Amino acid sequence: MAKKSNCKYIFVVGGVISGVGKGITSSSLGLILKNRGLNVTAIKIDPYINVDAGTMNPTEHGEVFVLGDGDETDQDMGNYERFLDINLTRINYMTTGRVYQTVIEKERNLEYKGKNVEVVPDIPLEVIRRIKNAQENSKADVVIIEIGGTVGEYQNMLFLEAGRMMKIESPADVFFVMVSYLPTPFNIGEMKTKPTQHAVRTLNASGIQPDFLIARGATSLDDKRKEKISLLCNFLPDRIIAAPDVDSIYDIPLNFEKEKLSDKLCKIMDVICKAPDKSAWDAWKSFAKHAHNGKEVVRIAMIGKYFETGDFILSDSYLSVIEALKYSAYAENRKPVISWLNSVDYEKNPASLKELKKYDGIVVPGGFGARGVEGNLQVVKFARENKIPYFGLCYGMQMMVIEYARNVLGLRDANTREVNPNAKNIVIDVMESQKEHLQNNRYGGSMRLGAYKAQLREGTIARNAYEQKEIIERHRHRYEVNPAFVADLEAKGLVFSGRSPEGHLMEIAELPKSKHPFFLGTQFHPEFLAHPLHPHPLFTAFIKACVKQNKK
């Protein structure tokens, strides 16, 4: 517990480049402080005009992570939940658009009592109000606030101003951590500190001196460069923390503690921390060790449509799915080897489907639109007929139902209204509650979002995996299995093992184990509830089936 009643606030900012690891750093700081007995919560500030992340292109922004209350957020919110093993709410997430929207609504409602409403200080003051509301909601001892983007960008200046104002108001309670990149140019062969020096000076120009520097780089920061940064950037040497590239993000908290970072944080914050929780820390170490176990592998084909970004592959589009697969594979003492395969390629070259036989399992994750649909349907058919374990998530379940309707039920034109609204047999239809939204072009934040209950059928793969009758899972969709086709599909052997409490919405579809080792899809997104030390039961059931396939 803290000496004072004051909560402590740690702002995490980035220097030199984007994607430097602020989200994982924030999550790791939260984990090591939680392990010292402090109640920690985390906030992500995205410098976008978008009100939420739901309308952003995943190939540009990465995965949309859905919270239990239905908020569509940045993928770093998923990192916070997984590392801290907590559930966050919309109060922990803000964007520029969301902040401005609130200020404008307040002005329209005369909540400013007729005074001029200015960008400064009213926007930063709204940011501060939201930060303090998140603290009050969680009763946190420490709030970690990640400011998106890189210092020097116009977009995050107002958020930095909010941090500066909080520091002026309560200097003993507000702290700044900069995560900055130190490049080692190939032709020079020497780690360079100048970009970080400029980043620190840029932050200084905003009236902020960081308290710690997390020095990211291909290799660990040496003493000579640490001394240079200390001298030129006003850091004590022991507050410069080396953060070299690692094989697994789950090593990062361990590396921080090798440099006694939690001790240093507790000291600068003037809080009394408990001794590290040995059992919790041993559990994390044991989990992290699995990432380096390459003796026994399980090979997974991820069939997606959001991988390509120019000449590069953006696996972040499916970040939570990838991590969920890791957690369950590690629990089975296997290292997952995941291959990113584009569904469009199977439309262009169906003969390449036979290559899927070399994988132990196939995953078709969530998605929207017509692109790659026919390729996905061919993959599903191949997995079903060749008895390769198949796991469909949301869109992946809808593909599974369409394929079954076409090739088993005999409805050759079966389709989803999203792709072909003129098809005779619309087996995947728009939800009744969504029709008005689509007619009026209300797309943002209007899907079926967040946590909903489902009832599981006895004797099914799903029921055996969960070991309970009722579950709560997070959703993000507008379309559902058309109830008019459910009876015919079940008559042909497809089992809807999970349904909404009123029985109308099909939540899980599967084939019995007597017909297929694992052929299962979920309308919800189980990946959002998979945590490092608590793998998701359906992912674990899938991995177990893949391990059996591997042994064959």
Protein backbone atom coordinates (compact mmCIF):
# COMPACT_ATOMS: atom_id res chain seq x y z
CA MET A 1 0.00 0.00 0.00
CA ALA A 2 1.11 3.56 -0.65
CA LYS A 3 2.31 5.80 2.16
CA LYS A 4 -0.20 8.43 1.06
CA SER A 5 -3.71 8.15 -0.28
CA ASN A 6 -2.54 9.65 -3.59
CA CYS A 7 -2.63 7.44 -6.64
CA LYS A 8 0.50 7.41 -8.79
CA TYR A 9 0.30 8.06 -12.54
CA ILE A 10 2.94 6.79 -14.99
CA PHE A 11 2.79 8.17 -18.54
CA VAL A 12 4.50 6.04 -21.20
CA VAL A 13 5.58 7.86 -24.37
CA GLY A 14 7.53 6.81 -27.45
CA GLY A 15 10.58 8.25 -29.14
CA VAL A 16 12.22 8.02 -32.60
CA ILE A 17 9.87 5.49 -34.29
CA SER A 18 6.37 4.12 -33.97
CA GLY A 19 5.92 0.49 -32.98
CA VAL A 20 8.78 0.78 -30.53
CA GLY A 21 7.00 -1.31 -27.89
CA LYS A 22 5.11 1.17 -25.70
CA GLY A 23 2.17 -1.19 -25.26
CA ILE A 24 4.28 -4.15 -24.15
CA THR A 25 6.38 -1.84 -21.96
CA SER A 26 3.23 -0.47 -20.31
CA SER A 27 1.89 -4.00 -19.80
CA SER A 28 5.21 -5.18 -18.37
CA LEU A 29 5.45 -2.20 -15.99
CA GLY A 30 1.94 -3.03 -14.80
CA LEU A 31 2.83 -6.68 -14.27
CA ILE A 32 5.98 -6.06 -12.21
CA LEU A 33 4.20 -3.47 -10.05
CA LYS A 34 1.19 -5.75 -9.57
CA ASN A 35 3.62 -8.43 -8.45
CA ARG A 36 4.75 -6.03 -5.73
CA GLY A 37 1.26 -5.85 -4.24
CA LEU A 38 0.01 -2.69 -5.97
CA ASN A 39 -3.41 -2.41 -7.59
CA VAL A 40 -2.65 -1.39 -11.19
CA THR A 41 -4.85 -0.31 -14.07
CA ALA A 42 -3.91 0.86 -17.56
CA ILE A 43 -5.22 3.42 -20.06
CA LYS A 44 -4.55 3.71 -23.79
CA ILE A 45 -4.78 7.11 -25.51
CA ASP A 46 -4.99 6.89 -29.30
CA PRO A 47 -4.30 10.13 -31.20
CA TYR A 48 -6.96 9.45 -33.85
CA ILE A 49 -10.04 11.47 -34.70
CA ASN A 50 -11.89 8.11 -34.85
CA VAL A 51 -14.22 7.81 -31.88
CA ASP A 52 -13.15 4.18 -31.45
CA ALA A 53 -11.03 1.64 -33.30
CA GLY A 54 -13.98 -0.20 -34.84
CA THR A 55 -13.92 1.54 -38.21
CA MET A 56 -10.15 1.32 -38.73
CA ASN A 57 -8.63 -0.91 -41.41
CA PRO A 58 -6.86 -3.83 -39.65
CA THR A 59 -4.07 -3.88 -42.24
CA GLU A 60 -3.19 -0.32 -41.24
CA HIS A 61 -3.99 -0.31 -37.54
CA GLY A 62 -3.90 -3.92 -36.46
CA GLU A 63 -6.51 -5.86 -34.55
CA VAL A 64 -9.63 -4.32 -33.05
CA PHE A 65 -9.81 -5.58 -29.46
CA VAL A 66 -13.32 -5.76 -27.99
CA LEU A 67 -13.83 -5.21 -24.27
CA GLY A 68 -16.48 -6.91 -22.19
CA ASP A 69 -18.70 -3.82 -22.29
CA GLY A 70 -18.52 -3.76 -26.09
CA ASP A 71 -16.00 -0.98 -26.63
CA GLU A 72 -13.93 -1.43 -29.81
CA THR A 73 -10.38 -0.52 -28.88
CA ASP A 74 -6.72 -0.63 -29.85
CA GLN A 75 -4.89 -3.96 -29.63
CA ASP A 76 -2.79 -2.69 -26.70
CA MET A 77 -5.88 -2.95 -24.52
CA GLY A 78 -5.63 -6.69 -25.12
CA ASN A 79 -1.99 -6.65 -24.01
CA TYR A 80 -2.98 -4.89 -20.79
CA GLU A 81 -5.71 -7.43 -20.05
CA ARG A 82 -3.46 -10.39 -20.80
CA PHE A 83 -0.40 -9.24 -18.83
CA LEU A 84 -2.36 -7.90 -15.86
CA ASP A 85 -5.00 -10.68 -15.95
CA ILE A 86 -7.81 -8.14 -15.57
CA ASN A 87 -10.89 -7.02 -17.51
CA LEU A 88 -10.94 -3.38 -18.57
CA THR A 89 -13.85 -1.18 -19.69
CA ARG A 90 -14.40 1.72 -22.07
CA ILE A 91 -13.34 4.11 -19.32
CA ASN A 92 -9.77 2.85 -19.88
CA TYR A 93 -9.67 3.86 -23.54
CA MET A 94 -9.82 7.22 -25.28
CA THR A 95 -9.15 8.74 -28.68
CA THR A 96 -8.84 12.32 -29.86
CA GLY A 97 -12.26 11.97 -31.48
CA ARG A 98 -13.84 10.68 -28.28
CA VAL A 99 -12.35 13.51 -26.19
CA TYR A 100 -13.42 16.24 -28.62
CA GLN A 101 -16.87 14.69 -28.95
CA THR A 102 -17.38 14.90 -25.19
CA VAL A 103 -16.14 18.50 -24.98
CA ILE A 104 -18.42 19.59 -27.84
CA GLU A 105 -21.42 17.81 -26.27
CA LYS A 106 -20.71 19.55 -22.96
CA GLU A 107 -20.54 22.90 -24.71
CA ARG A 108 -23.86 22.26 -26.45
CA ASN A 109 -25.42 21.33 -23.11
CA LEU A 110 -24.17 24.57 -21.48
CA GLU A 111 -22.02 22.59 -19.06
CA TYR A 112 -19.29 25.20 -19.49
CA LYS A 113 -21.83 27.84 -18.35
CA GLY A 114 -21.31 30.11 -21.34
CA LYS A 115 -17.54 30.57 -21.17
CA ASN A 116 -15.26 30.28 -24.17
CA VAL A 117 -14.28 26.66 -24.78
CA GLU A 118 -10.64 26.48 -25.85
CA VAL A 119 -8.45 23.66 -27.19
CA VAL A 120 -6.14 24.46 -24.28
CA PRO A 121 -6.95 23.98 -21.47
CA ASP A 122 -10.36 22.34 -22.05
CA ILE A 123 -9.22 19.36 -24.15
CA PRO A 124 -6.37 18.43 -21.75
CA LEU A 125 -8.72 18.94 -18.81
CA GLU A 126 -11.16 16.44 -20.33
CA VAL A 127 -8.27 13.99 -20.77
CA ILE A 128 -7.34 14.45 -17.11
CA ARG A 129 -10.95 13.94 -16.05
CA ARG A 130 -11.06 10.64 -17.93
CA ILE A 131 -7.75 9.48 -16.43
CA LYS A 132 -8.97 10.21 -12.90
CA ASN A 133 -12.32 8.54 -13.56
CA ALA A 134 -10.49 5.37 -14.60
CA GLN A 135 -8.49 5.50 -11.37
CA GLU A 136 -11.61 5.96 -9.24
CA ASN A 137 -13.40 3.17 -11.08
CA SER A 138 -10.63 0.66 -10.32
CA LYS A 139 -9.44 2.15 -6.99
CA ALA A 140 -5.93 1.76 -8.45
CA ASP A 141 -2.73 2.55 -6.60
CA VAL A 142 -0.99 3.06 -9.95
CA VAL A 143 -2.44 4.12 -13.32
CA ILE A 144 -0.27 3.51 -16.39
CA ILE A 145 -1.20 5.78 -19.30
CA GLU A 146 0.19 4.96 -22.73
CA ILE A 147 0.13 7.89 -25.15
CA GLY A 148 -0.01 6.61 -28.73
CA GLY A 149 2.30 7.86 -31.44
CA THR A 150 5.77 9.34 -31.14
CA VAL A 151 6.87 12.53 -29.38
CA GLY A 152 7.12 15.39 -31.85
CA GLU A 153 3.92 14.43 -33.68
CA TYR A 154 1.23 17.09 -33.74
CA GLN A 155 -1.47 14.54 -32.92
CA ASN A 156 -0.38 13.74 -29.36
CA MET A 157 0.61 17.21 -28.17
CA LEU A 158 -2.62 17.76 -26.23
CA PHE A 159 -2.20 14.47 -24.38
CA LEU A 160 1.34 15.41 -23.42
CA GLU A 161 -0.06 18.73 -22.24
CA ALA A 162 -2.52 16.84 -20.03
CA GLY A 163 0.39 14.94 -18.49
CA ARG A 164 2.35 18.15 -17.97
CA MET A 165 -0.63 19.80 -16.26
CA MET A 166 -1.05 16.79 -13.95
CA LYS A 167 2.66 16.94 -13.10
CA ILE A 168 2.39 20.64 -12.18
CA GLU A 169 -0.67 19.96 -10.04
CA SER A 170 0.84 16.97 -8.23
CA PRO A 171 4.59 16.62 -8.91
CA ALA A 172 5.08 13.78 -6.40
CA ASP A 173 2.44 11.61 -8.07
CA VAL A 174 3.07 11.90 -11.82
CA PHE A 175 5.97 10.27 -13.69
CA PHE A 176 7.08 9.78 -17.29
CA VAL A 177 8.72 6.80 -18.99
CA MET A 178 10.08 7.23 -22.50
CA VAL A 179 10.48 4.17 -24.71
CA SER A 180 12.99 5.15 -27.38
CA TYR A 181 14.78 3.33 -30.19
CA LEU A 182 18.58 3.28 -30.50
CA PRO A 183 19.48 2.13 -34.03
CA THR A 184 22.63 0.27 -35.00
CA PRO A 185 23.10 1.08 -38.72
CA PHE A 186 24.39 -2.00 -40.55
CA ASN A 187 27.21 -0.27 -42.39
CA ILE A 188 28.37 1.56 -39.25
CA GLY A 189 28.07 -1.23 -36.71
CA GLU A 190 27.70 1.14 -33.75
CA MET A 191 24.61 1.89 -31.68
CA LYS A 192 23.63 5.54 -32.12
CA THR A 193 22.13 7.69 -29.34
CA LYS A 194 21.53 10.91 -31.32
CA PRO A 195 17.92 10.11 -32.36
CA THR A 196 17.05 9.43 -28.71
CA GLN A 197 18.77 12.63 -27.64
CA HIS A 198 16.55 14.54 -30.08
CA ALA A 199 13.45 12.68 -28.85
CA VAL A 200 14.18 13.60 -25.22
CA ARG A 201 14.80 17.24 -26.18
CA THR A 202 11.50 17.26 -28.11
CA LEU A 203 9.71 16.00 -25.02
CA ASN A 204 11.53 18.64 -22.96
CA ALA A 205 10.05 21.25 -25.33
CA SER A 206 6.62 20.13 -24.15
CA GLY A 207 7.67 20.91 -20.58
CA ILE A 208 8.31 17.29 -19.64
CA GLN A 209 11.48 15.56 -18.47
CA PRO A 210 11.14 11.77 -18.50
CA ASP A 211 12.03 9.97 -15.28
CA PHE A 212 13.07 6.70 -16.97
CA LEU A 213 14.32 5.77 -20.40
CA ILE A 214 13.59 2.32 -21.80
CA ALA A 215 16.37 1.92 -24.37
CA ARG A 216 15.08 -0.28 -27.19
CA GLY A 217 17.51 -1.72 -29.67
CA ALA A 218 18.73 -4.81 -31.46
CA THR A 219 21.26 -5.35 -28.67
CA SER A 220 21.61 -4.29 -25.07
CA LEU A 221 22.75 -0.76 -24.31
CA ASP A 222 26.39 -0.66 -23.20
CA ASP A 223 27.84 1.50 -20.39
CA LYS A 224 29.48 4.01 -22.73
CA ARG A 225 26.22 4.89 -24.46
CA LYS A 226 24.35 4.84 -21.16
CA GLU A 227 26.82 7.44 -19.82
CA LYS A 228 26.33 9.61 -22.91
CA ILE A 229 22.53 9.54 -22.60
CA SER A 230 22.79 10.24 -18.88
CA LEU A 231 24.98 13.30 -19.47
CA LEU A 232 23.11 14.77 -22.42
CA CYS A 233 19.52 13.88 -21.50
CA ASN A 234 19.47 14.52 -17.73
CA PHE A 235 18.99 10.93 -16.56
CA LEU A 236 20.56 9.22 -13.61
CA PRO A 237 22.42 6.23 -15.10
CA ASP A 238 20.37 3.67 -13.15
CA ARG A 239 17.17 5.06 -14.67
CA ILE A 240 18.25 4.07 -18.17
CA ILE A 241 16.92 0.55 -18.69
CA ALA A 242 18.27 -1.63 -21.49
CA ALA A 243 15.54 -3.33 -23.51
CA PRO A 244 17.15 -5.38 -26.29
CA ASP A 245 15.16 -7.38 -28.81
CA VAL A 246 13.89 -10.68 -27.38
CA ASP A 247 12.43 -13.82 -28.88
CA SER A 248 9.28 -13.51 -26.76
CA ILE A 249 7.47 -10.47 -25.38
CA TYR A 250 6.90 -12.48 -22.20
CA ASP A 251 10.61 -12.21 -21.40
CA ILE A 252 10.35 -8.42 -21.12
CA PRO A 253 9.00 -8.26 -17.54
CA LEU A 254 11.74 -10.70 -16.52
CA ASN A 255 14.39 -8.51 -18.13
CA PHE A 256 13.00 -5.43 -16.40
CA GLU A 257 13.29 -7.13 -13.05
CA LYS A 258 16.88 -8.15 -13.78
CA GLU A 259 17.52 -4.40 -13.73
CA LYS A 260 15.43 -4.07 -10.52
CA LEU A 261 12.98 -1.78 -12.27
CA SER A 262 10.12 -2.38 -9.84
CA ASP A 263 12.40 -1.39 -6.94
CA LYS A 264 13.38 1.79 -8.77
CA LEU A 265 9.77 2.63 -9.62
CA CYS A 266 8.59 2.07 -6.04
CA LYS A 267 11.41 4.28 -4.79
CA ILE A 268 10.75 7.19 -7.14
CA MET A 269 6.99 6.97 -6.53
CA ASP A 270 7.60 6.88 -2.76
CA VAL A 271 5.38 3.87 -2.19
CA ILE A 272 5.94 0.89 0.07
CA CYS A 273 5.84 -2.24 -2.06
CA LYS A 274 5.54 -5.79 -0.83
CA ALA A 275 8.28 -8.26 -1.56
CA PRO A 276 7.80 -9.85 -5.00
CA ASP A 277 5.13 -12.57 -5.02
CA LYS A 278 7.38 -15.61 -5.55
CA SER A 279 4.67 -18.06 -6.55
CA ALA A 280 3.16 -15.65 -9.09
CA TRP A 281 6.58 -14.78 -10.47
CA ASP A 282 7.60 -18.45 -10.71
CA ALA A 283 4.38 -19.14 -12.63
CA TRP A 284 5.22 -16.35 -15.09
CA LYS A 285 8.80 -17.60 -15.49
CA SER A 286 7.55 -21.11 -16.16
CA PHE A 287 5.09 -19.79 -18.75
CA ALA A 288 7.71 -17.58 -20.45
CA LYS A 289 10.14 -20.51 -20.67
CA HIS A 290 7.75 -22.35 -23.00
CA ALA A 291 8.35 -19.73 -25.69
CA HIS A 292 11.88 -21.07 -26.04
CA ASN A 293 10.93 -24.74 -26.16
CA GLY A 294 11.34 -25.80 -29.77
CA LYS A 295 11.59 -29.57 -29.33
CA GLU A 296 7.94 -30.42 -29.85
CA VAL A 297 5.99 -28.24 -32.28
CA VAL A 298 2.43 -27.96 -33.51
CA ARG A 299 1.96 -26.53 -37.01
CA ILE A 300 -1.00 -24.21 -37.55
CA ALA A 301 -2.18 -22.67 -40.82
CA MET A 302 -3.80 -19.27 -40.27
CA ILE A 303 -6.00 -18.50 -43.30
CA GLY A 304 -6.58 -14.73 -43.27
CA LYS A 305 -7.38 -11.80 -45.51
CA TYR A 306 -5.77 -8.95 -43.56
CA PHE A 307 -2.09 -9.88 -43.77
CA GLU A 308 -0.86 -7.77 -46.66
CA THR A 309 0.34 -4.21 -46.11
CA GLY A 310 2.41 -3.27 -49.14
CA ASP A 311 5.33 -5.69 -49.35
CA PHE A 312 5.02 -6.67 -45.69
CA ILE A 313 2.97 -9.03 -43.54
CA LEU A 314 1.00 -7.53 -40.63
CA SER A 315 0.23 -10.42 -38.30
CA ASP A 316 -1.05 -7.88 -35.74
CA SER A 317 -4.38 -8.04 -37.58
CA TYR A 318 -4.93 -11.31 -35.68
CA LEU A 319 -2.85 -10.60 -32.59
CA SER A 320 -5.23 -12.06 -29.98
CA VAL A 321 -5.75 -15.25 -32.01
CA ILE A 322 -2.00 -15.76 -32.29
CA GLU A 323 -1.47 -15.23 -28.57
CA ALA A 324 -4.39 -17.53 -27.65
CA LEU A 325 -2.85 -20.28 -29.78
CA LYS A 326 0.47 -19.77 -27.98
CA TYR A 327 -1.06 -20.02 -24.50
CA SER A 328 -2.84 -23.28 -25.24
CA ALA A 329 0.14 -24.75 -27.09
CA TYR A 330 2.47 -23.87 -24.21
CA ALA A 331 0.05 -25.53 -21.79
CA GLU A 332 0.39 -28.70 -23.88
CA ASN A 333 4.20 -28.39 -23.92
CA ARG A 334 4.24 -27.54 -27.60
CA LYS A 335 5.68 -24.62 -29.52
CA PRO A 336 3.24 -23.31 -32.13
CA VAL A 337 4.61 -22.75 -35.62
CA ILE A 338 2.08 -20.51 -37.35
CA SER A 339 2.04 -19.93 -41.11
CA TRP A 340 0.20 -16.90 -42.52
CA LEU A 341 -1.73 -18.00 -45.62
CA ASN A 342 -3.87 -15.69 -47.74
CA SER A 343 -7.34 -16.98 -48.56
CA VAL A 344 -7.26 -15.16 -51.91
CA ASP A 345 -4.42 -17.44 -53.07
CA TYR A 346 -6.71 -20.49 -52.90
CA GLU A 347 -9.16 -18.80 -55.25
CA LYS A 348 -6.38 -18.22 -57.77
CA ASN A 349 -4.77 -21.64 -57.35
CA PRO A 350 -7.08 -24.30 -55.86
CA ALA A 351 -4.44 -26.98 -56.50
CA SER A 352 -2.36 -25.49 -53.68
CA LEU A 353 -4.94 -26.72 -51.16
CA LYS A 354 -3.11 -30.04 -50.93
CA GLU A 355 -0.28 -28.21 -49.16
CA LEU A 356 -2.61 -27.84 -46.15
CA LYS A 357 -2.04 -31.54 -45.38
CA LYS A 358 1.33 -30.67 -43.85
CA TYR A 359 -0.37 -28.69 -41.06
CA ASP A 360 -1.74 -30.11 -37.81
CA GLY A 361 -4.61 -27.64 -37.73
CA ILE A 362 -6.29 -24.79 -39.60
CA VAL A 363 -7.72 -21.54 -38.21
CA VAL A 364 -9.99 -19.16 -40.11
CA PRO A 365 -10.29 -16.01 -37.98
CA GLY A 366 -12.74 -13.09 -38.09
CA GLY A 367 -13.24 -10.78 -41.05
CA PHE A 368 -15.65 -8.79 -43.17
CA GLY A 369 -16.57 -8.44 -46.84
CA ALA A 370 -16.42 -10.58 -49.97
CA ARG A 371 -12.66 -10.65 -50.50
CA GLY A 372 -11.25 -14.16 -50.17
CA VAL A 373 -14.59 -15.81 -49.34
CA GLU A 374 -14.46 -18.50 -52.03
CA GLY A 375 -10.88 -19.31 -51.01
CA ASN A 376 -11.96 -19.70 -47.40
CA LEU A 377 -14.83 -21.99 -48.41
CA GLN A 378 -12.42 -24.24 -50.30
CA VAL A 379 -10.15 -24.38 -47.25
CA VAL A 380 -13.08 -25.35 -45.00
CA LYS A 381 -14.16 -28.09 -47.42
CA PHE A 382 -10.61 -29.43 -47.60
CA ALA A 383 -10.27 -29.47 -43.80
CA ARG A 384 -13.63 -31.21 -43.36
CA GLU A 385 -13.06 -33.88 -45.98
CA ASN A 386 -9.45 -34.57 -44.99
CA LYS A 387 -10.25 -34.52 -41.27
CA ILE A 388 -7.72 -31.79 -40.44
CA PRO A 389 -8.62 -30.03 -37.16
CA TYR A 390 -10.45 -26.81 -38.04
CA PHE A 391 -11.27 -23.84 -35.81
CA GLY A 392 -13.45 -21.04 -37.21
CA LEU A 393 -13.80 -17.75 -35.36
CA CYS A 394 -16.87 -15.58 -36.06
CA TYR A 395 -16.47 -15.18 -39.83
CA GLY A 396 -14.70 -18.56 -39.77
CA MET A 397 -17.83 -20.18 -38.31
CA GLN A 398 -20.01 -18.53 -40.95
CA MET A 399 -17.73 -19.93 -43.69
CA MET A 400 -18.05 -23.34 -42.06
CA VAL A 401 -21.88 -23.20 -42.13
CA ILE A 402 -21.99 -21.98 -45.74
CA GLU A 403 -19.62 -24.74 -46.87
CA TYR A 404 -21.69 -27.39 -45.08
CA ALA A 405 -24.90 -26.04 -46.60
CA ARG A 406 -23.40 -26.13 -50.08
CA ASN A 407 -21.63 -29.46 -50.05
CA VAL A 408 -23.59 -31.57 -47.55
CA LEU A 409 -27.06 -30.04 -47.54
CA GLY A 410 -26.87 -29.60 -51.33
CA LEU A 411 -27.71 -25.89 -51.47
CA ARG A 412 -25.16 -25.00 -54.13
CA ASP A 413 -25.84 -21.24 -54.01
CA ALA A 414 -25.78 -21.01 -50.19
CA ASN A 415 -24.17 -17.77 -49.13
CA THR A 416 -24.11 -14.87 -46.71
CA ARG A 417 -26.15 -11.76 -47.38
CA GLU A 418 -22.97 -9.75 -46.80
CA VAL A 419 -21.46 -11.25 -49.97
CA ASN A 420 -24.47 -12.03 -52.19
CA PRO A 421 -27.76 -10.49 -51.06
CA ASN A 422 -29.48 -11.96 -54.14
CA ALA A 423 -28.67 -15.59 -53.37
CA LYS A 424 -31.69 -17.88 -53.05
CA ASN A 425 -30.35 -19.59 -49.93
CA ILE A 426 -29.08 -16.98 -47.47
CA VAL A 427 -27.82 -19.25 -44.70
CA ILE A 428 -25.96 -16.37 -43.01
CA ASP A 429 -28.24 -13.36 -42.69
CA VAL A 430 -28.04 -9.91 -41.17
CA MET A 431 -29.27 -9.85 -37.58
CA GLU A 432 -32.71 -8.32 -37.12
CA SER A 433 -31.29 -5.76 -34.68
CA GLN A 434 -28.73 -4.67 -37.30
CA LYS A 435 -31.02 -3.98 -40.26
CA GLU A 436 -31.92 -0.43 -39.24
CA HIS A 437 -28.26 0.42 -38.59
CA LEU A 438 -27.26 -0.72 -42.09
CA GLN A 439 -30.18 1.06 -43.76
CA ASN A 440 -29.16 4.32 -42.09
CA ASN A 441 -25.39 3.85 -42.60
CA ARG A 442 -24.76 3.66 -38.85
CA TYR A 443 -21.60 1.59 -38.76
CA GLY A 444 -19.45 2.87 -35.91
CA GLY A 445 -20.01 1.10 -32.60
CA SER A 446 -23.31 -0.43 -33.79
CA MET A 447 -22.51 -4.14 -34.15
CA ARG A 448 -23.47 -6.78 -31.63
CA LEU A 449 -20.55 -6.04 -29.31
CA GLY A 450 -19.24 -7.24 -25.98
CA ALA A 451 -20.07 -10.02 -23.54
CA TYR A 452 -23.16 -12.22 -23.98
CA LYS A 453 -24.25 -15.50 -22.42
CA ALA A 454 -24.64 -18.80 -24.23
CA GLN A 455 -26.00 -22.23 -23.25
CA LEU A 456 -24.01 -25.34 -24.16
CA ARG A 457 -25.41 -28.68 -25.28
CA GLU A 458 -24.53 -31.83 -23.33
CA GLY A 459 -22.13 -34.33 -24.85
CA THR A 460 -20.52 -31.92 -27.30
CA ILE A 461 -16.90 -30.86 -27.83
CA ALA A 462 -17.74 -27.38 -26.61
CA ARG A 463 -19.44 -28.55 -23.42
CA ASN A 464 -16.61 -30.95 -22.62
CA ALA A 465 -14.02 -28.21 -23.20
CA TYR A 466 -15.68 -25.60 -20.99
CA GLU A 467 -16.88 -28.13 -18.37
CA GLN A 468 -19.88 -25.91 -17.67
CA LYS A 469 -23.36 -25.36 -19.04
CA GLU A 470 -23.38 -21.57 -19.40
CA ILE A 471 -20.59 -19.36 -20.73
CA ILE A 472 -20.01 -15.64 -21.32
CA GLU A 473 -18.01 -14.63 -24.40
CA ARG A 474 -17.26 -11.44 -26.32
CA HIS A 475 -18.83 -10.73 -29.71
CA ARG A 476 -18.31 -8.47 -32.73
CA HIS A 477 -20.65 -9.20 -35.63
CA ARG A 478 -23.72 -8.12 -37.62
CA TYR A 479 -24.59 -11.44 -39.25
CA GLU A 480 -25.82 -14.73 -37.83
CA VAL A 481 -26.81 -18.22 -38.91
CA ASN A 482 -30.27 -17.90 -40.47
CA PRO A 483 -32.64 -19.74 -38.08
CA ALA A 484 -34.68 -20.94 -41.07
CA PHE A 485 -31.85 -23.34 -42.03
CA VAL A 486 -30.89 -24.63 -38.59
CA ALA A 487 -33.17 -27.70 -38.55
CA ASP A 488 -32.05 -28.83 -42.03
CA LEU A 489 -28.37 -28.36 -41.16
CA GLU A 490 -28.73 -30.35 -37.95
CA ALA A 491 -30.65 -33.07 -39.78
CA LYS A 492 -27.56 -33.49 -41.96
CA GLY A 493 -25.25 -33.84 -38.96
CA LEU A 494 -24.07 -30.32 -38.09
CA VAL A 495 -24.46 -29.73 -34.35
CA PHE A 496 -25.19 -26.28 -32.92
CA SER A 497 -23.68 -26.94 -29.53
CA GLY A 498 -23.95 -23.38 -28.23
CA ARG A 499 -26.97 -21.13 -28.43
CA SER A 500 -28.03 -17.82 -26.94
CA PRO A 501 -30.18 -18.22 -23.80
CA GLU A 502 -33.42 -17.66 -25.76
CA GLY A 503 -32.23 -20.25 -28.32
CA HIS A 504 -32.39 -17.97 -31.37
CA LEU A 505 -28.72 -17.22 -32.04
CA MET A 506 -26.36 -20.06 -32.99
CA GLU A 507 -23.16 -19.42 -30.99
CA ILE A 508 -21.15 -22.61 -31.69
CA ALA A 509 -21.30 -25.10 -34.56
CA GLU A 510 -19.41 -28.38 -34.64
CA LEU A 511 -19.27 -31.89 -35.99
CA PRO A 512 -19.27 -34.81 -33.51
CA LYS A 513 -15.89 -36.41 -32.81
CA SER A 514 -17.20 -39.58 -34.43
CA LYS A 515 -17.22 -37.69 -37.75
CA HIS A 516 -14.25 -35.37 -37.38
CA PRO A 517 -11.42 -34.96 -34.82
CA PHE A 518 -12.17 -31.22 -34.42
CA PHE A 519 -14.42 -29.22 -36.73
CA LEU A 520 -15.79 -26.33 -34.69
CA GLY A 521 -16.64 -22.67 -35.13
CA THR A 522 -17.77 -19.91 -32.78
CA GLN A 523 -19.86 -16.84 -33.56
CA PHE A 524 -18.05 -15.08 -30.73
CA HIS A 525 -14.33 -14.31 -30.34
CA PRO A 526 -12.86 -16.64 -27.67
CA GLU A 527 -9.38 -15.22 -28.29
CA PHE A 528 -10.30 -12.06 -26.35
CA LEU A 529 -10.54 -14.03 -23.09
CA ALA A 530 -7.34 -16.08 -23.44
CA HIS A 531 -4.70 -15.05 -20.88
CA PRO A 532 -1.10 -16.31 -20.47
CA LEU A 533 -1.69 -18.28 -17.28
CA HIS A 534 -5.32 -19.07 -18.15
CA PRO A 535 -5.54 -20.48 -21.70
CA HIS A 536 -8.96 -20.52 -23.34
CA PRO A 537 -10.61 -23.96 -23.16
CA LEU A 538 -11.68 -24.03 -26.82
CA PHE A 539 -8.20 -23.13 -28.03
CA THR A 540 -6.79 -25.81 -25.76
CA ALA A 541 -9.25 -28.39 -27.13
CA PHE A 542 -8.20 -27.40 -30.65
CA ILE A 543 -4.48 -27.67 -29.85
CA LYS A 544 -5.01 -31.08 -28.27
CA ALA A 545 -6.70 -32.25 -31.48
CA CYS A 546 -3.79 -30.80 -33.48
CA VAL A 547 -1.27 -32.66 -31.31
CA LYS A 548 -3.09 -35.92 -32.02
CA GLN A 549 -3.05 -35.07 -35.72
CA ASN A 550 0.69 -34.42 -35.47
CA LYS A 551 1.30 -37.84 -33.92
CA LYS A 552 -0.53 -39.51 -36.80
